[in-house]
């Protein structure tokens, strides 16, 4: 599906005032509206001369790397490049399809009351957090220097735990931390970035509770490293066939368990997002919206080198506590939210 639309307002308002409901106006339909389309695009022209391209991409057929490659290849074609790298579609050879008669591919996405907030963590704050977690995290008695993503994952988990505790008042709640892992470089032989498909696994990389390391979740760092390092070529081999289904079933059971809260982190840092160019120049800002779920956190590289943008979705009552957390604001600065789409008129659907 391809849709064009006109909108009143300035594209700079899009960058500054990030509202999840308004983001949905820049997409052909809401992400919760499951249908048979593989992808859908809406091009919105603002009266200031700016343009927004909104892409909806079925996650069941492609992951983040696949969608970014799609956009980059599309941009190459739009600029007249006749030597575009072709995607590779041979994933079914490496992971043969299995019978999924009991699985409903058309199950509906349940919409939730979710609050969406954007935060900025500048390079100075990231360095301070890394120092703190580095001094208090260890593996086999050795102090480790955590990465930016490891550090932010542990810190934000600790603040979500504190905010959730204020809402549900349950001190025995267990928190499961999930991080998608790109399997391409972990296979033997490794797959290229051009391999198209949902080539990720989203394991529980760490667990925590309110008693974890004085509320700062220092132990998450070593757990993440151990879990992610265990995803090697042998691990990937074991994902084929019924074994992977068993993993998915166990994961689903953990999601449903009482007194268990799952938090899903995704990092698009170092992805070639800002390489996308349709001939108008590279994008001034790239973000993601339309997620209908709570307890989801997205990390994106900022246009300011060294800074990281953090997109956080939580239940309304949890977000109310989260945004008033003094520990949080010592390291993360909120980005304001105001409606930016004053009027939107669809032009055509192709």
C-alpha atoms as a PDB file:
ATOM      1  CA  UNK A   1       0.000   0.000   0.000  1.00  0.00           C
ATOM      2  CA  UNK A   2       1.206   3.505  -0.859  1.00  0.00           C
ATOM      3  CA  UNK A   3      -0.529   6.632   0.475  1.00  0.00           C
ATOM      4  CA  UNK A   4       0.192  10.317  -0.027  1.00  0.00           C
ATOM      5  CA  UNK A   5      -1.086  13.006   2.342  1.00  0.00           C
ATOM      6  CA  UNK A   6      -0.784  16.739   2.982  1.00  0.00           C
ATOM      7  CA  UNK A   7      -0.370  18.203   6.468  1.00  0.00           C
ATOM      8  CA  UNK A   8      -0.380  21.724   7.878  1.00  0.00           C
ATOM      9  CA  UNK A   9       2.521  22.629  10.121  1.00  0.00           C
ATOM     10  CA  UNK A  10       6.297  22.525  10.099  1.00  0.00           C
ATOM     11  CA  UNK A  11       8.457  19.433   9.836  1.00  0.00           C
ATOM     12  CA  UNK A  12      10.610  20.877  12.620  1.00  0.00           C
ATOM     13  CA  UNK A  13       7.618  20.443  14.931  1.00  0.00           C
ATOM     14  CA  UNK A  14       7.753  16.742  14.063  1.00  0.00           C
ATOM     15  CA  UNK A  15      11.300  16.566  15.357  1.00  0.00           C
ATOM     16  CA  UNK A  16      10.722  18.619  18.495  1.00  0.00           C
ATOM     17  CA  UNK A  17       7.208  17.556  19.541  1.00  0.00           C
ATOM     18  CA  UNK A  18       6.986  13.773  19.472  1.00  0.00           C
ATOM     19  CA  UNK A  19       3.495  12.522  20.225  1.00  0.00           C
ATOM     20  CA  UNK A  20       2.633   8.851  19.691  1.00  0.00           C
ATOM     21  CA  UNK A  21      -0.963   9.543  18.633  1.00  0.00           C
ATOM     22  CA  UNK A  22       0.214  12.061  16.067  1.00  0.00           C
ATOM     23  CA  UNK A  23       2.859   9.655  14.799  1.00  0.00           C
ATOM     24  CA  UNK A  24       0.024   7.310  13.831  1.00  0.00           C
ATOM     25  CA  UNK A  25      -1.307  10.037  11.519  1.00  0.00           C
ATOM     26  CA  UNK A  26       1.918   9.718   9.551  1.00  0.00           C
ATOM     27  CA  UNK A  27       1.290   6.012   8.923  1.00  0.00           C
ATOM     28  CA  UNK A  28      -1.253   4.464   6.503  1.00  0.00           C
ATOM     29  CA  UNK A  29      -3.026   2.744   9.408  1.00  0.00           C
ATOM     30  CA  UNK A  30      -2.363   1.934  13.049  1.00  0.00           C
ATOM     31  CA  UNK A  31       0.114  -0.844  13.736  1.00  0.00           C
ATOM     32  CA  UNK A  32      -2.511  -2.615  15.856  1.00  0.00           C
ATOM     33  CA  UNK A  33      -4.652  -3.103  12.742  1.00  0.00           C
ATOM     34  CA  UNK A  34      -3.255  -6.440  11.586  1.00  0.00           C
ATOM     35  CA  UNK A  35      -3.774  -7.212   7.894  1.00  0.00           C
ATOM     36  CA  UNK A  36      -2.228  -9.210   5.079  1.00  0.00           C
ATOM     37  CA  UNK A  37      -0.019  -6.417   3.720  1.00  0.00           C
ATOM     38  CA  UNK A  38       3.706  -7.062   3.868  1.00  0.00           C
ATOM     39  CA  UNK A  39       4.456  -3.339   4.040  1.00  0.00           C
ATOM     40  CA  UNK A  40       2.661  -0.010   3.776  1.00  0.00           C
ATOM     41  CA  UNK A  41       4.064   3.464   3.122  1.00  0.00           C
ATOM     42  CA  UNK A  42       2.673   6.954   3.651  1.00  0.00           C
ATOM     43  CA  UNK A  43       4.421  10.040   2.281  1.00  0.00           C
ATOM     44  CA  UNK A  44       3.236  13.178   4.078  1.00  0.00           C
ATOM     45  CA  UNK A  45       4.011  16.602   2.587  1.00  0.00           C
ATOM     46  CA  UNK A  46       4.073  19.506   5.049  1.00  0.00           C
ATOM     47  CA  UNK A  47       3.261  23.022   3.893  1.00  0.00           C
ATOM     48  CA  UNK A  48       6.746  24.154   4.977  1.00  0.00           C
ATOM     49  CA  UNK A  49       8.196  21.987   2.198  1.00  0.00           C
ATOM     50  CA  UNK A  50       9.298  19.135   4.444  1.00  0.00           C
ATOM     51  CA  UNK A  51       8.389  15.498   3.853  1.00  0.00           C
ATOM     52  CA  UNK A  52       7.883  12.560   6.205  1.00  0.00           C
ATOM     53  CA  UNK A  53       8.021   8.955   5.012  1.00  0.00           C
ATOM     54  CA  UNK A  54       6.180   6.573   7.313  1.00  0.00           C
ATOM     55  CA  UNK A  55       6.789   2.835   6.888  1.00  0.00           C
ATOM     56  CA  UNK A  56       4.808  -0.016   8.418  1.00  0.00           C
ATOM     57  CA  UNK A  57       6.640  -3.315   8.111  1.00  0.00           C
ATOM     58  CA  UNK A  58       5.372  -6.756   9.119  1.00  0.00           C
ATOM     59  CA  UNK A  59       7.755  -7.974  11.816  1.00  0.00           C
ATOM     60  CA  UNK A  60       6.824 -11.591  11.107  1.00  0.00           C
ATOM     61  CA  UNK A  61       8.598 -11.401   7.727  1.00  0.00           C
ATOM     62  CA  UNK A  62      11.481  -9.058   8.510  1.00  0.00           C
ATOM     63  CA  UNK A  63      13.472  -7.579  11.385  1.00  0.00           C
ATOM     64  CA  UNK A  64      14.950  -4.114  11.886  1.00  0.00           C
ATOM     65  CA  UNK A  65      17.982  -4.791   9.690  1.00  0.00           C
ATOM     66  CA  UNK A  66      15.711  -6.023   6.879  1.00  0.00           C
ATOM     67  CA  UNK A  67      13.505  -2.922   7.039  1.00  0.00           C
ATOM     68  CA  UNK A  68      16.502  -0.557   7.050  1.00  0.00           C
ATOM     69  CA  UNK A  69      18.052  -2.361   4.079  1.00  0.00           C
ATOM     70  CA  UNK A  70      14.695  -2.059   2.301  1.00  0.00           C
ATOM     71  CA  UNK A  71      14.667   1.710   2.849  1.00  0.00           C
ATOM     72  CA  UNK A  72      18.305   2.131   1.824  1.00  0.00           C
ATOM     73  CA  UNK A  73      17.827   0.066  -1.348  1.00  0.00           C
ATOM     74  CA  UNK A  74      14.678   2.016  -2.191  1.00  0.00           C
ATOM     75  CA  UNK A  75      16.625   5.241  -1.765  1.00  0.00           C
ATOM     76  CA  UNK A  76      19.421   3.955  -4.015  1.00  0.00           C
ATOM     77  CA  UNK A  77      16.892   3.126  -6.741  1.00  0.00           C
ATOM     78  CA  UNK A  78      15.203   6.538  -6.354  1.00  0.00           C
ATOM     79  CA  UNK A  79      18.590   8.209  -6.933  1.00  0.00           C
ATOM     80  CA  UNK A  80      19.138   6.218 -10.125  1.00  0.00           C
ATOM     81  CA  UNK A  81      21.727   3.769  -8.841  1.00  0.00           C
ATOM     82  CA  UNK A  82      21.760   0.711 -11.124  1.00  0.00           C
ATOM     83  CA  UNK A  83      24.018  -1.329  -8.833  1.00  0.00           C
ATOM     84  CA  UNK A  84      21.840  -1.844  -5.776  1.00  0.00           C
ATOM     85  CA  UNK A  85      22.728  -4.762  -3.506  1.00  0.00           C
ATOM     86  CA  UNK A  86      20.024  -7.391  -3.863  1.00  0.00           C
ATOM     87  CA  UNK A  87      18.563  -8.910  -0.690  1.00  0.00           C
ATOM     88  CA  UNK A  88      19.054 -12.622  -0.111  1.00  0.00           C
ATOM     89  CA  UNK A  89      15.889 -14.648   0.492  1.00  0.00           C
ATOM     90  CA  UNK A  90      17.315 -18.118   1.193  1.00  0.00           C
ATOM     91  CA  UNK A  91      16.537 -18.172   4.919  1.00  0.00           C
ATOM     92  CA  UNK A  92      14.092 -21.072   4.503  1.00  0.00           C
ATOM     93  CA  UNK A  93      17.017 -23.239   3.386  1.00  0.00           C
ATOM     94  CA  UNK A  94      18.868 -22.533   6.613  1.00  0.00           C
ATOM     95  CA  UNK A  95      15.756 -22.683   8.823  1.00  0.00           C
ATOM     96  CA  UNK A  96      13.355 -25.139   7.133  1.00  0.00           C
ATOM     97  CA  UNK A  97       9.668 -24.310   7.765  1.00  0.00           C
ATOM     98  CA  UNK A  98       7.798 -26.532  10.216  1.00  0.00           C
ATOM     99  CA  UNK A  99       4.146 -27.287  10.790  1.00  0.00           C
ATOM    100  CA  UNK A 100       2.414 -24.574  12.836  1.00  0.00           C
ATOM    101  CA  UNK A 101      -1.196 -25.695  12.601  1.00  0.00           C
ATOM    102  CA  UNK A 102      -1.969 -24.541  16.143  1.00  0.00           C
ATOM    103  CA  UNK A 103      -0.544 -21.064  15.620  1.00  0.00           C
ATOM    104  CA  UNK A 104      -2.854 -18.262  14.476  1.00  0.00           C
ATOM    105  CA  UNK A 105      -0.887 -15.940  12.205  1.00  0.00           C
ATOM    106  CA  UNK A 106      -3.805 -13.499  12.086  1.00  0.00           C
ATOM    107  CA  UNK A 107      -4.277 -13.029  15.828  1.00  0.00           C
ATOM    108  CA  UNK A 108      -5.260  -9.484  16.771  1.00  0.00           C
ATOM    109  CA  UNK A 109      -2.990  -7.101  18.603  1.00  0.00           C
ATOM    110  CA  UNK A 110      -4.627  -6.020  21.845  1.00  0.00           C
ATOM    111  CA  UNK A 111      -4.406  -2.240  22.240  1.00  0.00           C
ATOM    112  CA  UNK A 112      -3.335  -1.014  25.662  1.00  0.00           C
ATOM    113  CA  UNK A 113      -3.394   2.333  27.416  1.00  0.00           C
ATOM    114  CA  UNK A 114       0.225   3.216  26.815  1.00  0.00           C
ATOM    115  CA  UNK A 115       2.121   6.434  27.479  1.00  0.00           C
ATOM    116  CA  UNK A 116       5.017   7.281  25.184  1.00  0.00           C
ATOM    117  CA  UNK A 117       7.920   9.500  26.211  1.00  0.00           C
ATOM    118  CA  UNK A 118      11.224  10.419  24.599  1.00  0.00           C
ATOM    119  CA  UNK A 119      14.354  11.121  26.614  1.00  0.00           C
ATOM    120  CA  UNK A 120      17.867  12.231  25.747  1.00  0.00           C
ATOM    121  CA  UNK A 121      20.947  10.853  27.470  1.00  0.00           C
ATOM    122  CA  UNK A 122      23.954  12.967  26.576  1.00  0.00           C
ATOM    123  CA  UNK A 123      27.517  11.704  26.285  1.00  0.00           C
ATOM    124  CA  UNK A 124      28.530  13.129  29.674  1.00  0.00           C
ATOM    125  CA  UNK A 125      25.672  11.384  31.494  1.00  0.00           C
ATOM    126  CA  UNK A 126      26.367   8.118  29.678  1.00  0.00           C
ATOM    127  CA  UNK A 127      30.024   8.278  30.729  1.00  0.00           C
ATOM    128  CA  UNK A 128      29.048   8.925  34.361  1.00  0.00           C
ATOM    129  CA  UNK A 129      26.644   5.979  34.352  1.00  0.00           C
ATOM    130  CA  UNK A 130      29.238   3.700  32.746  1.00  0.00           C
ATOM    131  CA  UNK A 131      31.724   4.637  35.444  1.00  0.00           C
ATOM    132  CA  UNK A 132      29.209   3.883  38.187  1.00  0.00           C
ATOM    133  CA  UNK A 133      28.142   0.535  36.736  1.00  0.00           C
ATOM    134  CA  UNK A 134      31.729  -0.361  35.896  1.00  0.00           C
ATOM    135  CA  UNK A 135      32.777   0.129  39.509  1.00  0.00           C
ATOM    136  CA  UNK A 136      29.903  -1.965  40.849  1.00  0.00           C
ATOM    137  CA  UNK A 137      29.570  -4.734  38.225  1.00  0.00           C
ATOM    138  CA  UNK A 138      31.851  -7.722  38.070  1.00  0.00           C
ATOM    139  CA  UNK A 139      32.231 -11.037  36.282  1.00  0.00           C
ATOM    140  CA  UNK A 140      34.136 -13.766  38.116  1.00  0.00           C
ATOM    141  CA  UNK A 141      35.594 -11.173  40.453  1.00  0.00           C
ATOM    142  CA  UNK A 142      36.803  -8.918  37.621  1.00  0.00           C
ATOM    143  CA  UNK A 143      35.558  -5.367  37.197  1.00  0.00           C
ATOM    144  CA  UNK A 144      34.127  -4.847  33.718  1.00  0.00           C
ATOM    145  CA  UNK A 145      33.592  -1.756  31.596  1.00  0.00           C
ATOM    146  CA  UNK A 146      29.960  -1.949  30.468  1.00  0.00           C
ATOM    147  CA  UNK A 147      28.907  -0.766  27.025  1.00  0.00           C
ATOM    148  CA  UNK A 148      26.556   2.181  26.576  1.00  0.00           C
ATOM    149  CA  UNK A 149      23.605  -0.104  25.854  1.00  0.00           C
ATOM    150  CA  UNK A 150      24.363  -2.437  28.763  1.00  0.00           C
ATOM    151  CA  UNK A 151      24.569   0.557  31.085  1.00  0.00           C
ATOM    152  CA  UNK A 152      21.359   2.211  29.906  1.00  0.00           C
ATOM    153  CA  UNK A 153      19.526  -1.123  30.006  1.00  0.00           C
ATOM    154  CA  UNK A 154      20.453  -1.695  33.642  1.00  0.00           C
ATOM    155  CA  UNK A 155      19.740   1.893  34.697  1.00  0.00           C
ATOM    156  CA  UNK A 156      16.368   2.198  32.957  1.00  0.00           C
ATOM    157  CA  UNK A 157      15.322  -1.223  34.266  1.00  0.00           C
ATOM    158  CA  UNK A 158      16.024  -0.013  37.798  1.00  0.00           C
ATOM    159  CA  UNK A 159      13.846   3.072  37.286  1.00  0.00           C
ATOM    160  CA  UNK A 160      10.988   1.086  35.701  1.00  0.00           C
ATOM    161  CA  UNK A 161      11.119  -1.306  38.641  1.00  0.00           C
ATOM    162  CA  UNK A 162      10.833   1.598  41.076  1.00  0.00           C
ATOM    163  CA  UNK A 163       7.954   3.162  39.119  1.00  0.00           C
ATOM    164  CA  UNK A 164       6.101  -0.156  38.827  1.00  0.00           C
ATOM    165  CA  UNK A 165       6.497  -0.852  42.540  1.00  0.00           C
ATOM    166  CA  UNK A 166       4.761   2.442  43.327  1.00  0.00           C
ATOM    167  CA  UNK A 167       1.792   1.352  41.196  1.00  0.00           C
ATOM    168  CA  UNK A 168       1.371  -2.320  42.147  1.00  0.00           C
ATOM    169  CA  UNK A 169       3.131  -2.291  45.545  1.00  0.00           C
ATOM    170  CA  UNK A 170       4.523  -5.790  45.076  1.00  0.00           C
ATOM    171  CA  UNK A 171       7.997  -6.293  46.520  1.00  0.00           C
ATOM    172  CA  UNK A 172       8.271  -9.914  45.354  1.00  0.00           C
ATOM    173  CA  UNK A 173       7.816  -9.107  41.646  1.00  0.00           C
ATOM    174  CA  UNK A 174      10.410 -10.522  39.226  1.00  0.00           C
ATOM    175  CA  UNK A 175      11.522  -8.502  36.207  1.00  0.00           C
ATOM    176  CA  UNK A 176      12.631 -10.190  32.986  1.00  0.00           C
ATOM    177  CA  UNK A 177      14.886  -8.164  30.700  1.00  0.00           C
ATOM    178  CA  UNK A 178      14.730  -9.022  26.982  1.00  0.00           C
ATOM    179  CA  UNK A 179      17.125  -7.870  24.258  1.00  0.00           C
ATOM    180  CA  UNK A 180      16.813  -8.926  20.586  1.00  0.00           C
ATOM    181  CA  UNK A 181      20.015 -10.483  19.262  1.00  0.00           C
ATOM    182  CA  UNK A 182      20.936 -10.346  15.575  1.00  0.00           C
ATOM    183  CA  UNK A 183      21.803 -13.908  14.549  1.00  0.00           C
ATOM    184  CA  UNK A 184      23.465 -13.060  11.218  1.00  0.00           C
ATOM    185  CA  UNK A 185      27.041 -12.636  12.515  1.00  0.00           C
ATOM    186  CA  UNK A 186      26.643 -15.515  14.988  1.00  0.00           C
ATOM    187  CA  UNK A 187      25.988 -18.230  12.402  1.00  0.00           C
ATOM    188  CA  UNK A 188      28.605 -20.505  10.838  1.00  0.00           C
ATOM    189  CA  UNK A 189      29.332 -19.246   8.276  1.00  0.00           C
ATOM    190  CA  UNK A 190      28.049 -15.764   9.173  1.00  0.00           C
ATOM    191  CA  UNK A 191      25.228 -14.324   7.082  1.00  0.00           C
ATOM    192  CA  UNK A 192      25.575 -10.998   5.318  1.00  0.00           C
ATOM    193  CA  UNK A 193      23.588  -7.931   6.352  1.00  0.00           C
ATOM    194  CA  UNK A 194      21.654  -8.324   3.099  1.00  0.00           C
ATOM    195  CA  UNK A 195      19.986 -11.539   4.259  1.00  0.00           C
ATOM    196  CA  UNK A 196      16.293 -10.728   4.523  1.00  0.00           C
ATOM    197  CA  UNK A 197      14.076 -12.143   7.245  1.00  0.00           C
ATOM    198  CA  UNK A 198      13.300 -12.127  10.933  1.00  0.00           C
ATOM    199  CA  UNK A 199      16.803 -13.298  11.840  1.00  0.00           C
ATOM    200  CA  UNK A 200      16.763 -12.450  15.514  1.00  0.00           C
ATOM    201  CA  UNK A 201      16.074 -14.103  18.821  1.00  0.00           C
ATOM    202  CA  UNK A 202      14.752 -12.254  21.852  1.00  0.00           C
ATOM    203  CA  UNK A 203      15.873 -14.160  24.945  1.00  0.00           C
ATOM    204  CA  UNK A 204      15.614 -13.207  28.592  1.00  0.00           C
ATOM    205  CA  UNK A 205      19.084 -11.747  29.063  1.00  0.00           C
ATOM    206  CA  UNK A 206      18.715 -10.905  32.751  1.00  0.00           C
ATOM    207  CA  UNK A 207      16.382 -11.054  35.737  1.00  0.00           C
ATOM    208  CA  UNK A 208      16.083  -8.669  38.660  1.00  0.00           C
ATOM    209  CA  UNK A 209      13.957  -7.767  41.666  1.00  0.00           C
ATOM    210  CA  UNK A 210      13.633  -4.782  43.985  1.00  0.00           C
ATOM    211  CA  UNK A 211      16.451  -6.051  46.180  1.00  0.00           C
ATOM    212  CA  UNK A 212      18.904  -6.107  43.268  1.00  0.00           C
ATOM    213  CA  UNK A 213      22.078  -4.189  44.142  1.00  0.00           C
ATOM    214  CA  UNK A 214      20.514  -1.374  46.155  1.00  0.00           C
ATOM    215  CA  UNK A 215      17.958  -0.727  43.435  1.00  0.00           C
ATOM    216  CA  UNK A 216      20.516   0.018  40.692  1.00  0.00           C
ATOM    217  CA  UNK A 217      20.458  -3.446  39.078  1.00  0.00           C
ATOM    218  CA  UNK A 218      24.242  -3.734  38.820  1.00  0.00           C
ATOM    219  CA  UNK A 219      23.945  -7.499  38.360  1.00  0.00           C
ATOM    220  CA  UNK A 220      22.148  -7.097  35.039  1.00  0.00           C
ATOM    221  CA  UNK A 221      25.432  -6.202  33.298  1.00  0.00           C
ATOM    222  CA  UNK A 222      27.149  -9.548  33.916  1.00  0.00           C
ATOM    223  CA  UNK A 223      23.927 -11.478  33.212  1.00  0.00           C
ATOM    224  CA  UNK A 224      23.521  -9.753  29.844  1.00  0.00           C
ATOM    225  CA  UNK A 225      27.097 -10.479  28.833  1.00  0.00           C
ATOM    226  CA  UNK A 226      26.868 -14.122  29.794  1.00  0.00           C
ATOM    227  CA  UNK A 227      23.556 -14.687  28.003  1.00  0.00           C
ATOM    228  CA  UNK A 228      24.447 -12.827  24.813  1.00  0.00           C
ATOM    229  CA  UNK A 229      27.900 -14.438  24.560  1.00  0.00           C
ATOM    230  CA  UNK A 230      26.243 -17.867  24.794  1.00  0.00           C
ATOM    231  CA  UNK A 231      24.375 -17.216  21.527  1.00  0.00           C
ATOM    232  CA  UNK A 232      26.998 -18.712  19.219  1.00  0.00           C
ATOM    233  CA  UNK A 233      26.944 -20.890  16.095  1.00  0.00           C
ATOM    234  CA  UNK A 234      26.073 -24.009  18.100  1.00  0.00           C
ATOM    235  CA  UNK A 235      23.232 -22.176  19.824  1.00  0.00           C
ATOM    236  CA  UNK A 236      21.832 -21.074  16.452  1.00  0.00           C
ATOM    237  CA  UNK A 237      21.924 -24.663  15.167  1.00  0.00           C
ATOM    238  CA  UNK A 238      19.719 -25.700  18.059  1.00  0.00           C
ATOM    239  CA  UNK A 239      17.103 -23.115  17.106  1.00  0.00           C
ATOM    240  CA  UNK A 240      15.978 -25.135  14.111  1.00  0.00           C
ATOM    241  CA  UNK A 241      12.807 -27.201  14.210  1.00  0.00           C
ATOM    242  CA  UNK A 242      10.861 -28.131  17.311  1.00  0.00           C
ATOM    243  CA  UNK A 243      13.566 -26.947  19.709  1.00  0.00           C
ATOM    244  CA  UNK A 244      12.944 -23.313  18.841  1.00  0.00           C
ATOM    245  CA  UNK A 245       9.205 -23.763  19.344  1.00  0.00           C
ATOM    246  CA  UNK A 246       9.877 -25.082  22.831  1.00  0.00           C
ATOM    247  CA  UNK A 247      11.933 -21.962  23.568  1.00  0.00           C
ATOM    248  CA  UNK A 248       9.097 -19.738  22.357  1.00  0.00           C
ATOM    249  CA  UNK A 249       6.509 -21.625  24.404  1.00  0.00           C
ATOM    250  CA  UNK A 250       8.589 -21.297  27.575  1.00  0.00           C
ATOM    251  CA  UNK A 251       9.046 -17.609  26.886  1.00  0.00           C
ATOM    252  CA  UNK A 252       5.281 -17.149  26.457  1.00  0.00           C
ATOM    253  CA  UNK A 253       4.669 -18.903  29.770  1.00  0.00           C
ATOM    254  CA  UNK A 254       7.041 -16.494  31.522  1.00  0.00           C
ATOM    255  CA  UNK A 255       5.183 -13.534  30.025  1.00  0.00           C
ATOM    256  CA  UNK A 256       1.882 -14.802  31.468  1.00  0.00           C
ATOM    257  CA  UNK A 257       3.157 -15.654  34.945  1.00  0.00           C
ATOM    258  CA  UNK A 258       1.842 -13.679  37.904  1.00  0.00           C
ATOM    259  CA  UNK A 259       4.193 -11.258  39.650  1.00  0.00           C
ATOM    260  CA  UNK A 260       6.393 -11.199  36.553  1.00  0.00           C
ATOM    261  CA  UNK A 261       7.031  -8.075  34.491  1.00  0.00           C
ATOM    262  CA  UNK A 262       8.826  -8.310  31.143  1.00  0.00           C
ATOM    263  CA  UNK A 263      10.762  -5.337  29.786  1.00  0.00           C
ATOM    264  CA  UNK A 264      11.838  -5.428  26.139  1.00  0.00           C
ATOM    265  CA  UNK A 265      14.798  -3.330  24.999  1.00  0.00           C
ATOM    266  CA  UNK A 266      15.731  -2.761  21.365  1.00  0.00           C
ATOM    267  CA  UNK A 267      18.813  -0.916  20.180  1.00  0.00           C
ATOM    268  CA  UNK A 268      18.997   0.601  16.713  1.00  0.00           C
ATOM    269  CA  UNK A 269      22.276   2.325  17.575  1.00  0.00           C
ATOM    270  CA  UNK A 270      24.932   1.888  14.863  1.00  0.00           C
ATOM    271  CA  UNK A 271      22.250   0.927  12.360  1.00  0.00           C
ATOM    272  CA  UNK A 272      22.700   2.864   9.084  1.00  0.00           C
ATOM    273  CA  UNK A 273      19.455   4.773   9.623  1.00  0.00           C
ATOM    274  CA  UNK A 274      20.825   8.102   8.465  1.00  0.00           C
ATOM    275  CA  UNK A 275      22.264   6.618   5.272  1.00  0.00           C
ATOM    276  CA  UNK A 276      18.753   6.548   3.773  1.00  0.00           C
ATOM    277  CA  UNK A 277      18.561   9.111   0.950  1.00  0.00           C
ATOM    278  CA  UNK A 278      15.780   9.345  -1.638  1.00  0.00           C
ATOM    279  CA  UNK A 279      17.503  12.143  -3.524  1.00  0.00           C
ATOM    280  CA  UNK A 280      16.408  14.958  -1.205  1.00  0.00           C
ATOM    281  CA  UNK A 281      19.379  14.551   1.106  1.00  0.00           C
ATOM    282  CA  UNK A 282      19.670  12.488   4.261  1.00  0.00           C
ATOM    283  CA  UNK A 283      16.978  12.633   6.913  1.00  0.00           C
ATOM    284  CA  UNK A 284      17.200  15.286   9.624  1.00  0.00           C
ATOM    285  CA  UNK A 285      15.602  12.884  12.121  1.00  0.00           C
ATOM    286  CA  UNK A 286      14.499   9.247  12.176  1.00  0.00           C
ATOM    287  CA  UNK A 287      12.302   7.723  14.858  1.00  0.00           C
ATOM    288  CA  UNK A 288       9.838   4.936  15.415  1.00  0.00           C
ATOM    289  CA  UNK A 289       6.222   5.088  16.490  1.00  0.00           C
ATOM    290  CA  UNK A 290       2.988   3.172  16.479  1.00  0.00           C
ATOM    291  CA  UNK A 291       4.017   0.549  19.032  1.00  0.00           C
ATOM    292  CA  UNK A 292       0.866  -0.573  20.886  1.00  0.00           C
ATOM    293  CA  UNK A 293       2.656  -2.339  23.762  1.00  0.00           C
ATOM    294  CA  UNK A 294       3.937  -1.247  27.160  1.00  0.00           C
ATOM    295  CA  UNK A 295       7.346  -1.902  28.744  1.00  0.00           C
ATOM    296  CA  UNK A 296       9.184  -1.357  25.476  1.00  0.00           C
ATOM    297  CA  UNK A 297      12.329   0.745  25.190  1.00  0.00           C
ATOM    298  CA  UNK A 298      14.103   1.788  22.003  1.00  0.00           C
ATOM    299  CA  UNK A 299      17.628   3.218  21.801  1.00  0.00           C
ATOM    300  CA  UNK A 300      18.525   5.410  18.818  1.00  0.00           C
ATOM    301  CA  UNK A 301      21.678   7.316  17.954  1.00  0.00           C
ATOM    302  CA  UNK A 302      21.169  11.057  18.248  1.00  0.00           C
ATOM    303  CA  UNK A 303      22.279  13.457  15.532  1.00  0.00           C
ATOM    304  CA  UNK A 304      24.577  14.831  18.250  1.00  0.00           C
ATOM    305  CA  UNK A 305      27.579  12.493  18.349  1.00  0.00           C
ATOM    306  CA  UNK A 306      27.771  10.451  21.538  1.00  0.00           C
ATOM    307  CA  UNK A 307      24.209  11.178  22.673  1.00  0.00           C
ATOM    308  CA  UNK A 308      21.481   8.514  22.674  1.00  0.00           C
ATOM    309  CA  UNK A 309      17.735   9.055  22.309  1.00  0.00           C
ATOM    310  CA  UNK A 310      15.546   6.768  24.398  1.00  0.00           C
ATOM    311  CA  UNK A 311      11.925   6.041  23.455  1.00  0.00           C
ATOM    312  CA  UNK A 312      10.001   4.530  26.373  1.00  0.00           C
ATOM    313  CA  UNK A 313       6.468   3.090  26.422  1.00  0.00           C
ATOM    314  CA  UNK A 314       4.874   2.244  29.770  1.00  0.00           C
ATOM    315  CA  UNK A 315       1.404   1.819  31.208  1.00  0.00           C
ATOM    316  CA  UNK A 316      -0.135   5.184  32.018  1.00  0.00           C
ATOM    317  CA  UNK A 317       0.047   4.749  35.788  1.00  0.00           C
ATOM    318  CA  UNK A 318       3.655   3.532  35.670  1.00  0.00           C
ATOM    319  CA  UNK A 319       4.733   6.380  33.379  1.00  0.00           C
ATOM    320  CA  UNK A 320       3.225   8.895  35.813  1.00  0.00           C
ATOM    321  CA  UNK A 321       5.664   7.635  38.451  1.00  0.00           C
ATOM    322  CA  UNK A 322       8.548   7.180  36.016  1.00  0.00           C
ATOM    323  CA  UNK A 323       8.616  10.788  34.777  1.00  0.00           C
ATOM    324  CA  UNK A 324       8.774  12.091  38.366  1.00  0.00           C
ATOM    325  CA  UNK A 325      11.777   9.946  39.312  1.00  0.00           C
ATOM    326  CA  UNK A 326      14.604  12.183  40.568  1.00  0.00           C
ATOM    327  CA  UNK A 327      17.231   9.483  39.941  1.00  0.00           C
ATOM    328  CA  UNK A 328      16.083   9.275  36.321  1.00  0.00           C
ATOM    329  CA  UNK A 329      16.320  13.015  35.706  1.00  0.00           C
ATOM    330  CA  UNK A 330      19.857  13.090  37.069  1.00  0.00           C
ATOM    331  CA  UNK A 331      20.946  11.342  33.847  1.00  0.00           C
ATOM    332  CA  UNK A 332      18.112  11.553  31.275  1.00  0.00           C
ATOM    333  CA  UNK A 333      16.391  14.708  30.018  1.00  0.00           C
ATOM    334  CA  UNK A 334      12.798  14.519  28.739  1.00  0.00           C
ATOM    335  CA  UNK A 335      11.976  15.701  25.227  1.00  0.00           C
ATOM    336  CA  UNK A 336       8.691  17.706  25.227  1.00  0.00           C
ATOM    337  CA  UNK A 337       5.476  16.433  23.646  1.00  0.00           C
ATOM    338  CA  UNK A 338       2.882  18.540  21.866  1.00  0.00           C
ATOM    339  CA  UNK A 339       0.578  17.753  18.902  1.00  0.00           C
ATOM    340  CA  UNK A 340       2.228  18.789  15.635  1.00  0.00           C
ATOM    341  CA  UNK A 341      -0.178  17.619  12.923  1.00  0.00           C
ATOM    342  CA  UNK A 342      -2.766  20.402  12.676  1.00  0.00           C
ATOM    343  CA  UNK A 343      -4.597  18.998   9.674  1.00  0.00           C
ATOM    344  CA  UNK A 344      -3.969  15.962   7.501  1.00  0.00           C
ATOM    345  CA  UNK A 345      -5.651  15.234   4.160  1.00  0.00           C
ATOM    346  CA  UNK A 346      -5.052  11.893   2.413  1.00  0.00           C
ATOM    347  CA  UNK A 347      -4.534  12.338  -1.336  1.00  0.00           C
ATOM    348  CA  UNK A 348      -4.469   8.897  -2.864  1.00  0.00           C
ATOM    349  CA  UNK A 349      -4.107   5.217  -2.107  1.00  0.00           C
ATOM    350  CA  UNK A 350      -2.333   2.982  -4.621  1.00  0.00           C
END
